[in-house]
C-alpha atoms as a PDB file:
ATOM      1  CA  MET A   1      -7.882 -16.823  -0.010  1.00  0.00           C
ATOM      2  CA  LYS A   2      -4.449 -15.501  -0.318  1.00  0.00           C
ATOM      3  CA  THR A   3      -4.760 -11.473   0.539  1.00  0.00           C
ATOM      4  CA  ALA A   4      -1.819 -10.445  -1.577  1.00  0.00           C
ATOM      5  CA  LEU A   5      -0.570 -11.580  -5.154  1.00  0.00           C
ATOM      6  CA  SER A   6       1.937 -10.243  -7.492  1.00  0.00           C
ATOM      7  CA  PHE A   7       1.876 -10.345 -11.254  1.00  0.00           C
ATOM      8  CA  GLU A   8       3.804  -8.524 -14.280  1.00  0.00           C
ATOM      9  CA  TYR A   9       1.764  -5.641 -15.573  1.00  0.00           C
ATOM     10  CA  ALA A  10       1.687  -6.973 -19.144  1.00  0.00           C
ATOM     11  CA  HIS A  11      -1.423  -8.060 -21.717  1.00  0.00           C
ATOM     12  CA  ASP A  12      -0.706 -11.289 -24.219  1.00  0.00           C
ATOM     13  CA  GLU A  13      -1.895  -8.995 -27.160  1.00  0.00           C
ATOM     14  CA  GLU A  14      -1.455  -5.054 -28.120  1.00  0.00           C
ATOM     15  CA  LEU A  15      -4.746  -3.481 -29.288  1.00  0.00           C
ATOM     16  CA  PRO A  16      -4.869  -2.770 -33.059  1.00  0.00           C
ATOM     17  CA  PRO A  17      -5.385   0.821 -34.433  1.00  0.00           C
ATOM     18  CA  PRO A  18      -7.559   2.853 -33.669  1.00  0.00           C
ATOM     19  CA  HIS A  19      -7.985   1.371 -30.105  1.00  0.00           C
ATOM     20  CA  THR A  20      -5.242   3.268 -28.458  1.00  0.00           C
ATOM     21  CA  SER A  21      -6.744   3.299 -24.736  1.00  0.00           C
ATOM     22  CA  ASP A  22      -5.325   0.135 -22.857  1.00  0.00           C
ATOM     23  CA  PHE A  23      -7.041   0.052 -19.851  1.00  0.00           C
ATOM     24  CA  ARG A  24      -7.525  -3.508 -19.512  1.00  0.00           C
ATOM     25  CA  THR A  25      -6.645  -5.872 -16.627  1.00  0.00           C
ATOM     26  CA  PRO A  26      -3.815  -7.808 -17.505  1.00  0.00           C
ATOM     27  CA  ASN A  27      -4.255 -11.426 -18.544  1.00  0.00           C
ATOM     28  CA  ALA A  28      -2.350 -13.045 -15.675  1.00  0.00           C
ATOM     29  CA  LEU A  29      -4.867 -11.471 -12.844  1.00  0.00           C
ATOM     30  CA  VAL A  30      -7.600 -12.648 -15.277  1.00  0.00           C
ATOM     31  CA  GLU A  31      -6.232 -16.029 -15.573  1.00  0.00           C
ATOM     32  CA  HIS A  32      -5.929 -16.452 -11.601  1.00  0.00           C
ATOM     33  CA  VAL A  33      -9.523 -15.539 -10.841  1.00  0.00           C
ATOM     34  CA  LEU A  34     -11.011 -17.781 -13.458  1.00  0.00           C
ATOM     35  CA  GLN A  35      -8.995 -20.853 -11.956  1.00  0.00           C
ATOM     36  CA  THR A  36      -9.467 -19.611  -8.413  1.00  0.00           C
ATOM     37  CA  TYR A  37     -13.285 -19.268  -8.491  1.00  0.00           C
ATOM     38  CA  THR A  38     -14.871 -21.288 -11.320  1.00  0.00           C
ATOM     39  CA  ASP A  39     -14.316 -24.750 -13.341  1.00  0.00           C
ATOM     40  CA  PRO A  40     -13.879 -25.836 -16.880  1.00  0.00           C
ATOM     41  CA  GLY A  41     -17.740 -25.684 -18.437  1.00  0.00           C
ATOM     42  CA  ASP A  42     -18.907 -23.035 -15.987  1.00  0.00           C
ATOM     43  CA  ALA A  43     -20.658 -19.797 -17.279  1.00  0.00           C
ATOM     44  CA  VAL A  44     -18.580 -16.522 -16.660  1.00  0.00           C
ATOM     45  CA  ILE A  45     -19.912 -12.805 -17.006  1.00  0.00           C
ATOM     46  CA  ASP A  46     -18.437  -9.368 -17.468  1.00  0.00           C
ATOM     47  CA  ILE A  47     -20.909  -6.613 -17.232  1.00  0.00           C
ATOM     48  CA  PHE A  48     -17.936  -3.903 -18.063  1.00  0.00           C
ATOM     49  CA  ALA A  49     -16.485  -6.111 -20.982  1.00  0.00           C
ATOM     50  CA  GLY A  50     -14.004  -3.418 -22.436  1.00  0.00           C
ATOM     51  CA  TYR A  51     -11.839  -5.296 -25.180  1.00  0.00           C
ATOM     52  CA  GLY A  52     -13.077  -8.667 -23.672  1.00  0.00           C
ATOM     53  CA  THR A  53     -10.240  -9.893 -21.531  1.00  0.00           C
ATOM     54  CA  THR A  54     -11.954 -11.413 -19.260  1.00  0.00           C
ATOM     55  CA  LEU A  55     -14.365 -13.269 -21.909  1.00  0.00           C
ATOM     56  CA  ILE A  56     -11.328 -14.228 -24.179  1.00  0.00           C
ATOM     57  CA  GLU A  57      -9.476 -15.739 -21.283  1.00  0.00           C
ATOM     58  CA  ALA A  58     -12.519 -17.457 -20.204  1.00  0.00           C
ATOM     59  CA  GLU A  59     -13.287 -19.285 -23.721  1.00  0.00           C
ATOM     60  CA  ARG A  60      -9.455 -20.064 -23.791  1.00  0.00           C
ATOM     61  CA  LEU A  61      -9.866 -22.049 -20.363  1.00  0.00           C
ATOM     62  CA  ASP A  62     -13.086 -23.515 -21.510  1.00  0.00           C
ATOM     63  CA  ARG A  63     -15.647 -21.508 -19.458  1.00  0.00           C
ATOM     64  CA  ILE A  64     -18.449 -20.012 -21.028  1.00  0.00           C
ATOM     65  CA  PRO A  65     -18.247 -16.279 -21.584  1.00  0.00           C
ATOM     66  CA  PHE A  66     -21.134 -13.896 -21.433  1.00  0.00           C
ATOM     67  CA  GLY A  67     -20.797  -9.955 -21.760  1.00  0.00           C
ATOM     68  CA  LEU A  68     -21.867  -6.466 -21.564  1.00  0.00           C
ATOM     69  CA  GLU A  69     -20.252  -3.534 -23.225  1.00  0.00           C
ATOM     70  CA  TYR A  70     -21.720  -0.013 -23.646  1.00  0.00           C
ATOM     71  CA  GLU A  71     -19.354   0.904 -26.740  1.00  0.00           C
ATOM     72  CA  PRO A  72     -20.163  -0.489 -30.207  1.00  0.00           C
ATOM     73  CA  GLU A  73     -16.848  -0.771 -31.398  1.00  0.00           C
ATOM     74  CA  ARG A  74     -15.153  -2.888 -28.782  1.00  0.00           C
ATOM     75  CA  VAL A  75     -18.360  -5.321 -29.031  1.00  0.00           C
ATOM     76  CA  ALA A  76     -17.358  -5.849 -32.458  1.00  0.00           C
ATOM     77  CA  TYR A  77     -13.769  -6.342 -31.179  1.00  0.00           C
ATOM     78  CA  ILE A  78     -14.660  -8.970 -28.618  1.00  0.00           C
ATOM     79  CA  ARG A  79     -16.779 -10.550 -31.420  1.00  0.00           C
ATOM     80  CA  GLU A  80     -14.037 -11.362 -33.745  1.00  0.00           C
ATOM     81  CA  ARG A  81     -12.423 -12.877 -31.124  1.00  0.00           C
ATOM     82  CA  LEU A  82     -14.927 -15.471 -29.568  1.00  0.00           C
ATOM     83  CA  SER A  83     -16.376 -18.400 -31.421  1.00  0.00           C
ATOM     84  CA  THR A  84     -19.762 -17.784 -29.312  1.00  0.00           C
ATOM     85  CA  PRO A  85     -20.316 -13.828 -30.617  1.00  0.00           C
ATOM     86  CA  THR A  86     -23.874 -13.572 -29.705  1.00  0.00           C
ATOM     87  CA  ASN A  87     -22.697 -14.225 -26.346  1.00  0.00           C
ATOM     88  CA  VAL A  88     -21.450 -10.300 -26.053  1.00  0.00           C
ATOM     89  CA  ARG A  89     -24.176  -7.689 -26.477  1.00  0.00           C
ATOM     90  CA  GLU A  90     -23.853  -3.776 -26.418  1.00  0.00           C
ATOM     91  CA  GLY A  91     -25.878  -1.818 -23.955  1.00  0.00           C
ATOM     92  CA  ASP A  92     -25.966   0.110 -20.680  1.00  0.00           C
ATOM     93  CA  VAL A  93     -25.387  -1.699 -17.861  1.00  0.00           C
ATOM     94  CA  LEU A  94     -27.769   0.618 -15.766  1.00  0.00           C
ATOM     95  CA  ASP A  95     -30.468  -1.151 -18.224  1.00  0.00           C
ATOM     96  CA  PHE A  96     -29.194  -4.354 -18.110  1.00  0.00           C
ATOM     97  CA  ASP A  97     -31.828  -7.272 -18.568  1.00  0.00           C
ATOM     98  CA  PRO A  98     -30.333 -10.326 -17.607  1.00  0.00           C
ATOM     99  CA  SER A  99     -33.145 -12.412 -19.197  1.00  0.00           C
ATOM    100  CA  TRP A 100     -30.538 -13.687 -22.073  1.00  0.00           C
ATOM    101  CA  VAL A 101     -27.844 -14.550 -19.595  1.00  0.00           C
ATOM    102  CA  PRO A 102     -27.813 -18.020 -17.628  1.00  0.00           C
ATOM    103  CA  THR A 103     -27.178 -18.466 -14.589  1.00  0.00           C
ATOM    104  CA  CYS A 104     -23.419 -17.594 -14.090  1.00  0.00           C
ATOM    105  CA  GLU A 105     -20.763 -18.841 -11.634  1.00  0.00           C
ATOM    106  CA  MET A 106     -19.055 -15.736 -11.126  1.00  0.00           C
ATOM    107  CA  CYS A 107     -18.559 -12.260 -12.900  1.00  0.00           C
ATOM    108  CA  PHE A 108     -15.103 -10.890 -12.946  1.00  0.00           C
ATOM    109  CA  THR A 109     -15.046  -7.131 -14.136  1.00  0.00           C
ATOM    110  CA  SER A 110     -13.531  -3.773 -13.539  1.00  0.00           C
ATOM    111  CA  PRO A 111     -16.073  -1.070 -13.995  1.00  0.00           C
ATOM    112  CA  PRO A 112     -15.005   2.198 -15.485  1.00  0.00           C
ATOM    113  CA  PHE A 113     -12.668   4.593 -12.384  1.00  0.00           C
ATOM    114  CA  MET A 114     -13.819   7.813 -11.284  1.00  0.00           C
ATOM    115  CA  GLU A 115     -11.802  10.462  -9.501  1.00  0.00           C
ATOM    116  CA  GLN A 116     -13.694  12.667  -6.894  1.00  0.00           C
ATOM    117  CA  THR A 117     -13.564  16.134  -8.907  1.00  0.00           C
ATOM    118  CA  ASP A 118     -14.409  14.658 -12.145  1.00  0.00           C
ATOM    119  CA  ASP A 119     -17.750  15.587 -13.554  1.00  0.00           C
ATOM    120  CA  ARG A 120     -17.868  13.390 -16.562  1.00  0.00           C
ATOM    121  CA  ASN A 121     -19.907  10.680 -16.475  1.00  0.00           C
ATOM    122  CA  PRO A 122     -17.851   7.198 -16.681  1.00  0.00           C
ATOM    123  CA  PHE A 123     -21.239   5.106 -17.443  1.00  0.00           C
ATOM    124  CA  GLU A 124     -21.268   6.978 -20.989  1.00  0.00           C
ATOM    125  CA  ASN A 125     -17.647   6.380 -21.674  1.00  0.00           C
ATOM    126  CA  TYR A 126     -16.702   9.776 -19.957  1.00  0.00           C
ATOM    127  CA  ALA A 127     -18.830  11.410 -22.268  1.00  0.00           C
ATOM    128  CA  GLY A 128     -21.591  12.950 -19.937  1.00  0.00           C
ATOM    129  CA  GLU A 129     -21.749  14.614 -17.121  1.00  0.00           C
ATOM    130  CA  SER A 130     -21.899  13.089 -13.701  1.00  0.00           C
ATOM    131  CA  SER A 131     -20.819  13.448 -10.017  1.00  0.00           C
ATOM    132  CA  TYR A 132     -18.957  11.162  -7.727  1.00  0.00           C
ATOM    133  CA  ASP A 133     -21.658  10.838  -5.401  1.00  0.00           C
ATOM    134  CA  ALA A 134     -24.108   9.446  -8.773  1.00  0.00           C
ATOM    135  CA  TYR A 135     -21.562   7.508  -9.860  1.00  0.00           C
ATOM    136  CA  LEU A 136     -21.486   5.362  -6.577  1.00  0.00           C
ATOM    137  CA  ASP A 137     -25.377   5.181  -6.778  1.00  0.00           C
ATOM    138  CA  ASP A 138     -24.771   3.786 -10.371  1.00  0.00           C
ATOM    139  CA  ILE A 139     -22.397   1.176  -9.048  1.00  0.00           C
ATOM    140  CA  GLU A 140     -24.742  -0.274  -6.892  1.00  0.00           C
ATOM    141  CA  THR A 141     -27.384  -0.054  -9.576  1.00  0.00           C
ATOM    142  CA  ALA A 142     -25.072  -1.905 -11.931  1.00  0.00           C
ATOM    143  CA  PHE A 143     -24.551  -4.820  -9.403  1.00  0.00           C
ATOM    144  CA  SER A 144     -28.110  -4.932  -8.145  1.00  0.00           C
ATOM    145  CA  ASN A 145     -28.918  -5.698 -11.675  1.00  0.00           C
ATOM    146  CA  LEU A 146     -26.432  -8.587 -11.658  1.00  0.00           C
ATOM    147  CA  GLU A 147     -27.704  -9.941  -8.520  1.00  0.00           C
ATOM    148  CA  GLY A 148     -30.356 -12.664  -9.899  1.00  0.00           C
ATOM    149  CA  VAL A 149     -27.379 -13.808 -12.862  1.00  0.00           C
ATOM    150  CA  ILE A 150     -25.099 -14.980 -10.040  1.00  0.00           C
ATOM    151  CA  ALA A 151     -25.499 -18.757  -8.852  1.00  0.00           C
ATOM    152  CA  PRO A 152     -25.894 -18.795  -4.958  1.00  0.00           C
ATOM    153  CA  GLU A 153     -22.536 -18.817  -3.454  1.00  0.00           C
ATOM    154  CA  GLY A 154     -21.271 -17.838  -6.826  1.00  0.00           C
ATOM    155  CA  HIS A 155     -18.504 -15.316  -6.649  1.00  0.00           C
ATOM    156  CA  LEU A 156     -18.382 -11.172  -8.024  1.00  0.00           C
ATOM    157  CA  VAL A 157     -14.671 -10.166  -8.337  1.00  0.00           C
ATOM    158  CA  VAL A 158     -13.822  -6.607  -8.834  1.00  0.00           C
ATOM    159  CA  ASP A 159     -10.547  -5.442 -10.290  1.00  0.00           C
ATOM    160  CA  VAL A 160     -10.122  -1.575  -8.946  1.00  0.00           C
ATOM    161  CA  ALA A 161      -7.835   1.052  -7.271  1.00  0.00           C
ATOM    162  CA  ASN A 162      -7.800   3.760  -5.616  1.00  0.00           C
ATOM    163  CA  MET A 163      -6.645   7.194  -7.199  1.00  0.00           C
ATOM    164  CA  LYS A 164      -4.133   9.972  -6.519  1.00  0.00           C
ATOM    165  CA  HIS A 165      -4.866  13.157  -8.640  1.00  0.00           C
ATOM    166  CA  GLU A 166      -3.391  16.601  -7.715  1.00  0.00           C
ATOM    167  CA  GLY A 167      -2.188  15.662  -4.108  1.00  0.00           C
ATOM    168  CA  ARG A 168      -6.039  14.271  -3.146  1.00  0.00           C
ATOM    169  CA  VAL A 169      -6.369  10.361  -3.109  1.00  0.00           C
ATOM    170  CA  THR A 170      -9.967   9.161  -3.730  1.00  0.00           C
ATOM    171  CA  PRO A 171     -10.684   5.910  -2.117  1.00  0.00           C
ATOM    172  CA  LEU A 172     -12.388   4.485  -5.028  1.00  0.00           C
ATOM    173  CA  ALA A 173     -11.538   0.883  -3.890  1.00  0.00           C
ATOM    174  CA  TRP A 174     -13.209   1.304  -0.530  1.00  0.00           C
ATOM    175  CA  ASP A 175     -16.165   3.354  -1.795  1.00  0.00           C
ATOM    176  CA  VAL A 176     -16.995   0.825  -4.461  1.00  0.00           C
ATOM    177  CA  ALA A 177     -16.761  -2.171  -2.025  1.00  0.00           C
ATOM    178  CA  GLU A 178     -18.730  -0.416   0.154  1.00  0.00           C
ATOM    179  CA  ARG A 179     -21.553  -0.188  -2.329  1.00  0.00           C
ATOM    180  CA  ILE A 180     -21.491  -3.402  -3.763  1.00  0.00           C
ATOM    181  CA  SER A 181     -21.837  -4.635   0.038  1.00  0.00           C
ATOM    182  CA  ASN A 182     -25.264  -3.561  -0.166  1.00  0.00           C
ATOM    183  CA  VAL A 183     -25.880  -6.326  -2.760  1.00  0.00           C
ATOM    184  CA  PHE A 184     -23.349  -9.123  -2.075  1.00  0.00           C
ATOM    185  CA  HIS A 185     -21.382 -10.304   1.058  1.00  0.00           C
ATOM    186  CA  PHE A 186     -18.040  -8.979   1.032  1.00  0.00           C
ATOM    187  CA  ASP A 187     -15.460 -11.536   1.734  1.00  0.00           C
ATOM    188  CA  GLY A 188     -12.418  -9.284   1.832  1.00  0.00           C
ATOM    189  CA  GLU A 189     -10.068  -7.680  -0.455  1.00  0.00           C
ATOM    190  CA  VAL A 190      -6.613  -9.096  -2.447  1.00  0.00           C
ATOM    191  CA  VAL A 191      -3.751  -6.708  -2.955  1.00  0.00           C
ATOM    192  CA  VAL A 192      -2.426  -7.155  -6.456  1.00  0.00           C
ATOM    193  CA  SER A 193       1.074  -5.734  -6.647  1.00  0.00           C
ATOM    194  CA  TRP A 194       2.246  -4.929 -10.279  1.00  0.00           C
ATOM    195  CA  GLU A 195       5.774  -5.860 -12.012  1.00  0.00           C
ATOM    196  CA  GLY A 196       6.971  -3.535 -14.591  1.00  0.00           C
ATOM    197  CA  ASP A 197       8.607  -0.503 -15.637  1.00  0.00           C
ATOM    198  CA  ASP A 198       8.886   2.226 -13.202  1.00  0.00           C
ATOM    199  CA  ALA A 199       6.488   4.643 -14.738  1.00  0.00           C
ATOM    200  CA  PRO A 200       5.646   8.430 -13.229  1.00  0.00           C
ATOM    201  CA  ASP A 201       2.276   7.596 -12.307  1.00  0.00           C
ATOM    202  CA  GLY A 202       2.500   3.977 -10.810  1.00  0.00           C
ATOM    203  CA  THR A 203       3.207   0.539 -12.535  1.00  0.00           C
ATOM    204  CA  PHE A 204      -0.654   0.191 -12.275  1.00  0.00           C
ATOM    205  CA  GLY A 205      -1.405   3.779 -12.891  1.00  0.00           C
ATOM    206  CA  TYR A 206      -3.268   6.445 -11.006  1.00  0.00           C
ATOM    207  CA  GLY A 207      -0.340   7.023  -8.655  1.00  0.00           C
ATOM    208  CA  TYR A 208       0.037   3.382  -7.196  1.00  0.00           C
ATOM    209  CA  ASP A 209       2.103   0.274  -8.118  1.00  0.00           C
ATOM    210  CA  HIS A 210      -1.030  -2.322  -6.712  1.00  0.00           C
ATOM    211  CA  SER A 211      -4.604  -2.417  -7.317  1.00  0.00           C
ATOM    212  CA  TYR A 212      -7.386  -4.724  -5.474  1.00  0.00           C
ATOM    213  CA  MET A 213      -9.419  -7.697  -6.078  1.00  0.00           C
ATOM    214  CA  LEU A 214     -12.703  -7.209  -4.326  1.00  0.00           C
ATOM    215  CA  VAL A 215     -13.946 -10.337  -3.295  1.00  0.00           C
ATOM    216  CA  PHE A 216     -17.679 -10.976  -2.753  1.00  0.00           C
ATOM    217  CA  THR A 217     -20.279 -13.923  -2.390  1.00  0.00           C
ATOM    218  CA  ASN A 218     -24.119 -14.021  -3.512  1.00  0.00           C
ATOM    219  CA  GLU A 219     -25.530 -15.410  -0.119  1.00  0.00           C
ATOM    220  CA  ALA A 220     -28.963 -15.189  -1.873  1.00  0.00           C
END
C-alpha cells in the first residue's frame, strides 16, 4: 500500500441547482480506491452516500453499488444516475438494517465532519444538537452496523481530514481512526495531497491541502 498519493482536486460533474454544497470526494480518488481494493463484479457500499460519487464511479467500473443516505433529495439525485436505483435507500446510518444488502467486498465512504467546538449534529445534516464526544460515539456505532456487511478480509476505506478552526486543530482523522479501530483492523493511513488553485482555507479545505485515506480490513 502506497502511503502518499496526489490528485487534482476536481469533480467530473457540477452539481445542478439547488444542490450548492459541494463536499464530494473527487472522482480521481474514488476511482483509485475502487481499482485498488475491488474487482469488476464486486459489491461496494457507501453508508454516507452524499451525492453518490462512490456509487456512480462503482457502476461505471462494473462494480455493484449499494448506498445509504440521510437526505431524501440526495437519494433522488443518486437514483437518477444509476441503472440500479433501488440499491440506494434513504435512512439513518445509526439505525442501518443491513438485511437488504449483500456481502460487500468494500466500503468507501466519507462521514460528515465535526469540529470540536461545534454543537450541531452531523448525523442529522447539522440540524440537531450534539457534542464531539457524542459524534465519536455515533461514528463507532455507524461502522459497527457495517461489520456484518463487509466480507472477511474485505476493506473499509474512509476519506477524512483534520480540521483547523479559529486557531485550534481538531484531530478528527485520528479520533475517527481510533473509534473505527474498535470494529475493524486498522491497516494504516494514506496521505492524499490535493493539487489545485490556492485557497485561503487550503486546497482540500478546513485549513489543509491534504486529507487522509484510513484503510481497514475486516478480520472477522
